[in-house]
Protein backbone atom coordinates (compact mmCIF):
# COMPACT_ATOMS: atom_id res chain seq x y z
CA MET A 1 100.65 126.07 41.84
CA SER A 2 102.52 127.11 45.18
CA VAL A 3 105.95 127.77 43.07
CA SER A 4 104.21 129.11 39.77
CA LYS A 5 102.59 132.34 41.98
CA PRO A 6 105.76 133.37 43.42
CA VAL A 7 107.19 132.89 39.61
CA GLY A 8 105.06 134.76 38.21
CA SER A 9 105.41 137.66 40.63
CA ALA A 10 109.31 137.83 40.06
CA VAL A 11 108.70 137.87 36.33
CA ASN A 12 106.27 140.49 36.45
CA ILE A 13 108.78 142.79 38.61
CA GLY A 14 111.30 141.43 36.20
CA THR A 15 109.43 142.64 33.15
CA TRP A 16 108.83 145.70 34.61
CA VAL A 17 112.44 146.43 35.80
CA ILE A 18 113.92 145.61 32.17
CA LEU A 19 111.35 147.09 29.96
CA ALA A 20 111.88 150.31 31.99
CA VAL A 21 116.13 150.21 31.38
CA LEU A 22 115.84 149.02 27.79
CA LEU A 23 113.73 151.96 27.10
CA ILE A 24 116.25 154.05 28.43
CA PHE A 25 118.83 153.08 26.60
CA LEU A 26 116.54 152.92 23.57
CA ILE A 27 117.12 156.03 23.62
CA ARG A 28 120.73 156.39 22.19
CA GLY A 29 121.80 152.47 22.01
CA GLY A 30 119.08 151.06 19.38
CA TYR A 31 120.31 147.27 18.36
CA PRO A 32 120.97 145.62 21.31
CA VAL A 33 117.67 146.79 23.27
CA LEU A 34 115.42 145.87 19.96
CA LEU A 35 117.20 142.73 20.02
CA THR A 36 116.71 141.99 23.49
CA ILE A 37 112.70 143.12 23.36
CA GLU A 38 112.60 140.80 20.16
CA ALA A 39 113.92 137.64 21.93
CA ALA A 40 111.45 138.39 24.99
CA GLN A 41 108.40 138.98 22.67
CA ILE A 42 109.08 135.71 20.82
CA ILE A 43 109.56 133.51 23.83
CA GLN A 44 105.99 135.10 25.01
CA MET A 45 104.48 134.23 21.68
CA HIS A 46 104.55 130.46 22.44
CA ILE A 47 101.73 131.05 25.04
CA PHE A 48 99.91 131.31 21.58
CA LEU A 49 100.33 127.57 21.08
CA LEU A 50 97.66 125.15 21.06
CA LEU A 51 98.77 123.01 23.84
CA ASP A 52 96.08 122.01 26.33
CA PRO A 53 97.69 121.45 28.87
CA MET A 54 100.30 123.26 29.42
CA PRO A 55 102.46 123.12 32.03
CA TYR A 56 101.31 125.82 34.40
CA LEU A 57 104.69 127.26 35.85
CA GLU A 58 105.07 127.88 31.83
CA PHE A 59 101.72 129.29 31.09
CA THR A 60 102.65 131.20 34.43
CA PHE A 61 105.80 132.51 32.84
CA LEU A 62 104.97 133.71 30.03
CA ASN A 63 101.93 135.24 30.62
CA SER A 64 104.18 137.31 33.05
CA MET A 65 105.62 138.43 29.89
CA LYS A 66 102.99 139.83 27.90
CA TYR A 67 104.24 143.50 29.07
CA PHE A 68 106.95 143.16 26.67
CA HIS A 69 104.18 143.69 24.20
CA PHE A 70 103.11 146.28 25.64
CA THR A 71 99.94 145.33 26.45
CA PHE A 72 99.86 147.67 30.16
CA PHE A 73 98.44 150.63 27.79
CA PRO A 74 94.92 151.05 28.52
CA SER A 75 92.22 149.88 25.98
CA LEU A 76 91.49 152.61 23.41
CA PHE A 77 88.24 151.09 22.08
CA ASP A 78 86.77 149.44 25.02
CA LYS A 79 83.96 152.15 26.14
CA VAL A 80 83.10 151.89 22.12
CA LEU A 81 83.08 148.24 22.03
CA GLY A 82 81.06 148.00 25.21
CA ASP A 83 79.92 144.56 26.07
CA TYR A 84 80.98 143.01 22.72
CA SER A 85 83.61 140.33 22.65
CA SER A 86 84.46 137.92 19.67
CA PRO A 87 82.70 134.63 20.17
CA ALA A 88 85.62 133.02 18.08
CA THR A 89 88.40 133.53 20.95
CA PRO A 90 89.84 129.41 21.00
CA ASN A 91 89.52 127.64 24.48
CA GLN A 92 93.36 127.86 24.94
CA TYR A 93 93.49 131.45 25.00
CA LEU A 94 90.28 131.73 27.92
CA PRO A 95 93.06 131.72 30.69
CA PHE A 96 95.07 134.57 30.02
CA LEU A 97 92.99 136.31 27.08
CA ASN A 98 89.26 136.80 27.16
CA ASP A 99 88.72 138.49 23.85
CA THR A 100 90.76 138.35 20.64
CA THR A 101 88.62 141.07 18.80
CA PHE A 102 91.69 143.35 17.31
CA MET A 103 89.88 146.74 18.46
CA ARG A 104 90.52 145.41 21.70
CA ASN A 105 94.26 143.93 21.39
CA CYS A 106 95.92 146.76 19.51
CA SER A 107 96.16 149.94 21.34
CA ALA A 108 99.74 149.27 21.74
CA TYR A 109 100.92 150.27 18.02
CA VAL A 110 98.05 153.41 18.11
CA LEU A 111 99.52 154.65 21.37
CA LEU A 112 103.53 154.53 20.12
CA PHE A 113 103.08 155.70 17.22
CA ALA A 114 101.57 158.90 19.34
CA ILE A 115 104.39 158.52 21.60
CA MET A 116 106.59 158.59 18.74
CA LEU A 117 105.37 161.69 17.03
CA PHE A 118 105.21 163.57 20.41
CA LEU A 119 108.70 162.50 21.32
CA LEU A 120 109.93 163.71 17.60
CA ALA A 121 107.91 167.05 18.38
CA LEU A 122 109.72 167.18 21.91
CA PHE A 123 113.46 166.44 21.28
CA LYS A 124 112.61 169.00 17.69
CA PHE A 125 111.74 171.58 20.59
CA LEU A 126 114.68 171.13 23.49
CA SER A 127 116.89 171.01 20.01
CA SER A 128 116.24 174.88 19.80
CA ARG A 129 118.21 177.92 20.89
CA VAL A 130 115.05 179.51 21.13
CA THR A 131 113.56 177.44 23.68
CA ASN A 132 116.42 175.56 25.30
CA ARG A 133 118.97 178.16 26.79
CA SER A 134 121.10 175.43 28.47
CA LYS A 135 124.14 174.50 25.88
CA THR A 136 125.02 170.99 27.48
CA PHE A 137 121.25 170.03 27.67
CA ARG A 138 120.53 171.36 24.55
CA LYS A 139 123.37 169.20 22.69
CA LEU A 140 122.35 166.53 24.13
CA CYS A 141 118.91 166.62 22.66
CA GLU A 142 120.18 167.70 19.50
CA VAL A 143 122.61 164.11 19.46
CA VAL A 144 119.47 162.28 20.26
CA TYR A 145 117.17 164.13 18.02
CA LYS A 146 119.25 163.39 15.01
CA ASP A 147 120.90 160.38 15.54
CA ARG A 148 118.01 158.27 17.25
CA VAL A 149 114.69 160.28 17.14
CA ARG A 150 114.46 161.92 13.54
CA PHE A 151 114.99 158.29 11.69
CA SER A 152 114.81 155.60 13.97
CA PHE A 153 111.95 156.00 16.35
CA LEU A 154 109.34 154.93 13.28
CA ASN A 155 111.38 151.72 12.40
CA ASP A 156 111.68 151.55 15.92
CA THR A 157 108.00 151.65 16.94
CA PHE A 158 106.98 149.27 14.08
CA TRP A 159 109.72 147.08 15.60
CA ILE A 160 108.63 146.44 19.25
CA THR A 161 104.64 146.49 17.93
CA PHE A 162 104.80 144.11 14.99
CA LEU A 163 104.42 140.49 16.53
CA TYR A 164 101.49 141.00 18.69
CA THR A 165 99.95 143.74 15.70
CA VAL A 166 100.07 141.26 12.60
CA PHE A 167 99.16 138.24 14.62
CA PHE A 168 96.18 139.66 15.97
CA ALA A 169 95.10 141.38 12.82
CA MET A 170 95.81 137.88 11.09
CA PHE A 171 93.59 136.19 13.43
CA GLN A 172 90.55 138.32 13.00
CA PHE A 173 90.72 136.82 9.50
CA LYS A 174 90.85 133.17 10.46
CA TYR A 175 87.84 132.96 12.85
CA THR A 176 86.14 136.19 12.57
CA THR A 177 83.13 136.48 11.10
CA THR A 178 80.54 139.48 9.17
CA SER A 179 77.44 138.72 11.31
CA ASN A 180 77.21 141.83 12.74
CA VAL A 181 78.41 145.77 12.54
CA TRP A 182 81.09 145.66 15.16
CA GLN A 183 82.92 142.63 13.60
CA ILE A 184 82.72 144.69 9.73
CA ILE A 185 84.03 147.69 11.17
CA ASN A 186 86.77 145.43 13.29
CA LEU A 187 87.75 143.46 10.51
CA VAL A 188 88.32 147.03 8.24
CA PHE A 189 90.67 148.16 10.88
CA CYS A 190 92.76 145.07 10.82
CA SER A 191 92.43 144.90 7.38
CA LEU A 192 94.03 148.72 7.05
CA THR A 193 96.26 147.80 9.70
CA LEU A 194 98.19 144.66 8.10
CA ALA A 195 98.01 146.50 5.11
CA LEU A 196 100.13 149.26 6.56
CA PHE A 197 102.44 147.03 8.59
CA ALA A 198 102.89 144.46 5.55
CA SER A 199 104.26 147.40 3.25
CA TYR A 200 106.48 148.32 5.79
CA MET A 201 108.01 144.94 6.12
CA ILE A 202 108.43 144.84 1.94
CA PHE A 203 109.95 148.51 1.89
CA MET A 204 112.64 146.89 4.01
CA LEU A 205 112.98 144.16 2.24
CA TYR A 206 113.47 146.63 -0.45
CA LEU A 207 115.51 148.43 1.17
CA GLY A 208 117.94 145.58 2.29
CA PHE A 209 118.35 144.55 -1.05
CA LYS A 210 118.97 147.90 -2.41
CA TYR A 211 121.77 148.45 -0.42
CA ARG A 212 123.24 145.07 0.11
CA LYS A 213 126.18 145.40 -2.21
CA ASP A 214 127.23 148.51 -0.39
CA VAL A 215 126.55 149.84 3.09
CA THR A 216 128.73 152.87 2.74
CA GLU A 217 125.78 153.99 0.38
CA VAL A 218 123.32 153.71 2.78
CA PRO A 219 121.55 156.88 3.79
CA LYS A 220 121.35 158.41 7.19
CA LYS A 221 117.93 158.64 7.19
CA TYR A 222 118.04 154.25 6.91
CA SER A 223 120.87 153.73 9.28
CA PHE A 224 118.75 151.61 10.97
CA LEU A 225 119.63 148.88 8.46
CA VAL A 226 123.20 148.66 9.91
CA ASN A 227 122.54 149.81 13.40
CA GLU A 228 124.85 147.33 14.81
CA PRO A 229 127.20 148.13 12.90
CA SER A 230 126.68 145.87 10.31
CA SER A 231 128.07 144.29 7.11
CA ASN A 232 124.84 143.00 5.91
CA THR A 233 121.45 145.15 5.25
CA LEU A 234 119.43 141.94 4.86
CA GLU A 235 119.22 141.31 8.58
CA VAL A 236 116.46 144.15 9.79
CA PRO A 237 114.49 143.20 6.76
CA LEU A 238 114.95 139.57 7.18
CA ARG A 239 114.02 139.58 10.72
CA TYR A 240 110.64 141.61 9.87
CA LEU A 241 109.95 138.54 7.36
CA ARG A 242 110.36 136.34 10.17
CA LYS A 243 108.19 137.72 12.52
CA PHE A 244 105.46 137.88 10.01
CA LEU A 245 105.65 134.16 8.93
CA LEU A 246 106.03 133.42 12.77
CA CYS A 247 102.67 134.89 12.72
CA CYS A 248 101.57 132.80 9.84
CA ALA A 249 102.90 129.70 11.82
CA LEU A 250 100.65 130.50 14.94
CA LEU A 251 97.51 130.73 13.12
CA ILE A 252 97.90 126.88 11.79
CA PRO A 253 95.39 124.66 13.55
CA SER A 254 97.39 121.83 15.25
CA LEU A 255 100.68 122.11 17.40
CA GLN A 256 102.32 119.86 15.50
CA GLY A 257 102.22 121.83 12.55
CA GLN A 258 102.41 125.57 14.43
CA VAL A 259 106.02 124.25 16.20
CA ILE A 260 107.58 122.28 12.58
CA CYS A 261 106.64 125.88 11.11
CA MET A 262 108.39 127.50 13.91
CA MET A 263 111.51 125.40 14.27
CA ALA A 264 111.97 125.47 10.33
CA LEU A 265 111.70 129.62 10.57
CA ASN A 266 114.47 129.49 13.33
CA PHE A 267 116.70 126.99 11.42
CA CYS A 268 116.42 129.11 8.31
CA PHE A 269 117.34 131.95 10.19
CA PHE A 270 120.31 130.40 11.92
CA ILE A 271 121.81 129.20 8.90
CA TYR A 272 121.48 132.98 7.78
CA ILE A 273 123.44 133.85 10.81
CA LEU A 274 126.03 130.82 10.30
CA PHE A 275 127.08 131.55 7.00
CA PHE A 276 126.85 135.43 6.55
CA LYS A 277 127.79 136.64 9.95
CA PRO A 278 126.18 140.30 9.57
CA SER A 279 127.50 142.01 12.18
CA ASN A 280 131.06 143.06 12.62
CA SER A 281 131.23 141.86 16.10
CA LYS A 282 131.90 138.21 16.60
CA LEU A 283 130.48 138.25 19.68
CA THR A 284 127.10 139.29 18.58
CA ASN A 285 127.30 136.98 15.90
CA ALA A 286 128.21 133.74 18.32
CA LEU A 287 125.20 135.29 20.97
CA THR A 288 122.66 135.51 18.15
CA PHE A 289 123.75 131.99 16.76
CA LEU A 290 123.07 130.39 20.26
CA LEU A 291 119.85 132.40 20.55
CA GLU A 292 118.51 130.40 17.57
CA LEU A 293 120.04 126.95 18.84
CA PHE A 294 118.01 127.96 22.00
CA TYR A 295 114.56 129.00 20.14
CA ILE A 296 114.84 125.69 18.41
CA GLY A 297 115.35 123.44 21.59
CA ILE A 298 112.10 124.97 23.15
CA GLU A 299 110.58 124.01 20.41
CA ILE A 300 111.79 120.47 20.86
CA LEU A 301 110.63 120.82 23.96
CA PHE A 302 106.78 121.94 23.29
CA LEU A 303 106.97 118.71 20.77
CA VAL A 304 108.11 116.68 23.62
CA TYR A 305 105.81 117.69 25.97
CA PHE A 306 103.02 117.43 23.66
CA ASN A 307 103.56 113.50 23.35
CA VAL A 308 103.88 112.48 26.68
CA ILE A 309 101.29 110.51 27.05
CA SER A 310 100.01 110.91 30.35
CA LYS A 311 100.65 114.37 31.87
CA THR A 312 100.48 114.35 35.50
CA ASN A 313 101.01 117.07 37.91
CA ASP A 314 104.87 116.04 38.37
CA ILE A 315 105.31 115.77 34.80
CA GLN A 316 103.79 119.41 34.40
CA TYR A 317 105.97 120.75 36.73
CA GLY A 318 108.80 119.09 35.58
CA PHE A 319 108.72 120.55 31.78
CA GLY A 320 107.33 123.62 33.42
CA LEU A 321 110.86 124.09 35.49
CA ALA A 322 112.29 123.19 31.81
CA PHE A 323 110.66 125.41 29.73
CA CYS A 324 111.60 128.53 32.45
CA ILE A 325 115.27 127.65 32.91
CA ALA A 326 115.80 127.53 29.14
CA GLN A 327 113.68 130.52 28.68
CA ALA A 328 115.65 132.59 31.19
CA LEU A 329 118.78 131.48 29.20
CA GLU A 330 117.74 132.60 25.92
CA SER A 331 116.77 135.68 27.02
CA HIS A 332 119.91 136.42 28.85
CA PRO A 333 122.77 136.53 25.70
CA ARG A 334 121.04 139.51 24.46
CA ARG A 335 121.32 141.44 27.21
CA ALA A 336 125.38 140.55 27.28
CA VAL A 337 126.15 141.76 23.78
CA ASP A 338 128.54 144.71 23.02
CA LEU A 339 127.97 146.69 26.57
CA ASP A 340 130.72 149.09 25.24
CA ARG A 341 128.26 150.11 22.28
CA LEU A 342 126.65 152.29 25.58
CA SER A 343 129.64 153.43 26.28
CA TRP A 344 127.37 156.80 25.47
CA LEU A 345 126.44 157.08 28.73
CA ASP A 346 130.01 158.32 29.62
CA GLU A 347 129.56 161.49 27.18
CA LEU A 348 126.41 162.35 29.49
């Protein structure tokens, strides 16, 4: 316990610092930043495994990474819901989540879409000669608007909110009843949200298959499909599909089922990276390949811990330390991906 508190504080501070840096780089350097955020989010989603007790050090580590899902945004529906909370919240979630009601946990995606629209209008406004007389600053705003904001910010918003939003939307159908008005409203809202995110995923898969034969035919408005740059238009759509199936896996009522399905998903993506090598960069392909191996290794570690009969404090501490070290290494490779892609900083 005494070690877990400083670890949690350090991870909390590190999360804020990394998020701030990533969001700055996201203005121009989309692909490395989005994959770094995705890796951190996938790691954090392990907190929803039905493991009781979870090693305290590991629990503290994962709980401190929740801000990668932008959960620091204020809840938009707290005052509306009042004292209502879902009676279906599993006991394993109570140490880190008091209420699984979708309306309490969906504020991030609503606010991020609002921020995206605001940034779209702002950069469009600053790109005008009428409103911005500074030639240098106006040129920078024009480049950011054309290369990132105009066509990519919508995809970026779906990308960074997909896991958390889809998981809680799916969760409502498994555990929530329709015994009162708020539960019905909650189900309607989450149904519309799930339909929106699932439709976007299907649209991305459609685009990926449509342009898979010739990358040069990808229109500029869909340039995020090959933002790596990449020779394959299926990587981004398949990552959306993997996230969707990961949410399904986390709803399985047993830890063994959850972990085995997650391992199967990671193994399939591992095979895809191995044989198709979607990136034009050998370094990126190698790091992505290693990242999938790390995911599988983490999940094997969860299975081993689950099957330990006597989970004493010493055993929990040992496994917790192993989890933290492995996950720190797991998220590190994405931050090292081709820093030369961020050479746009020299232009500023």
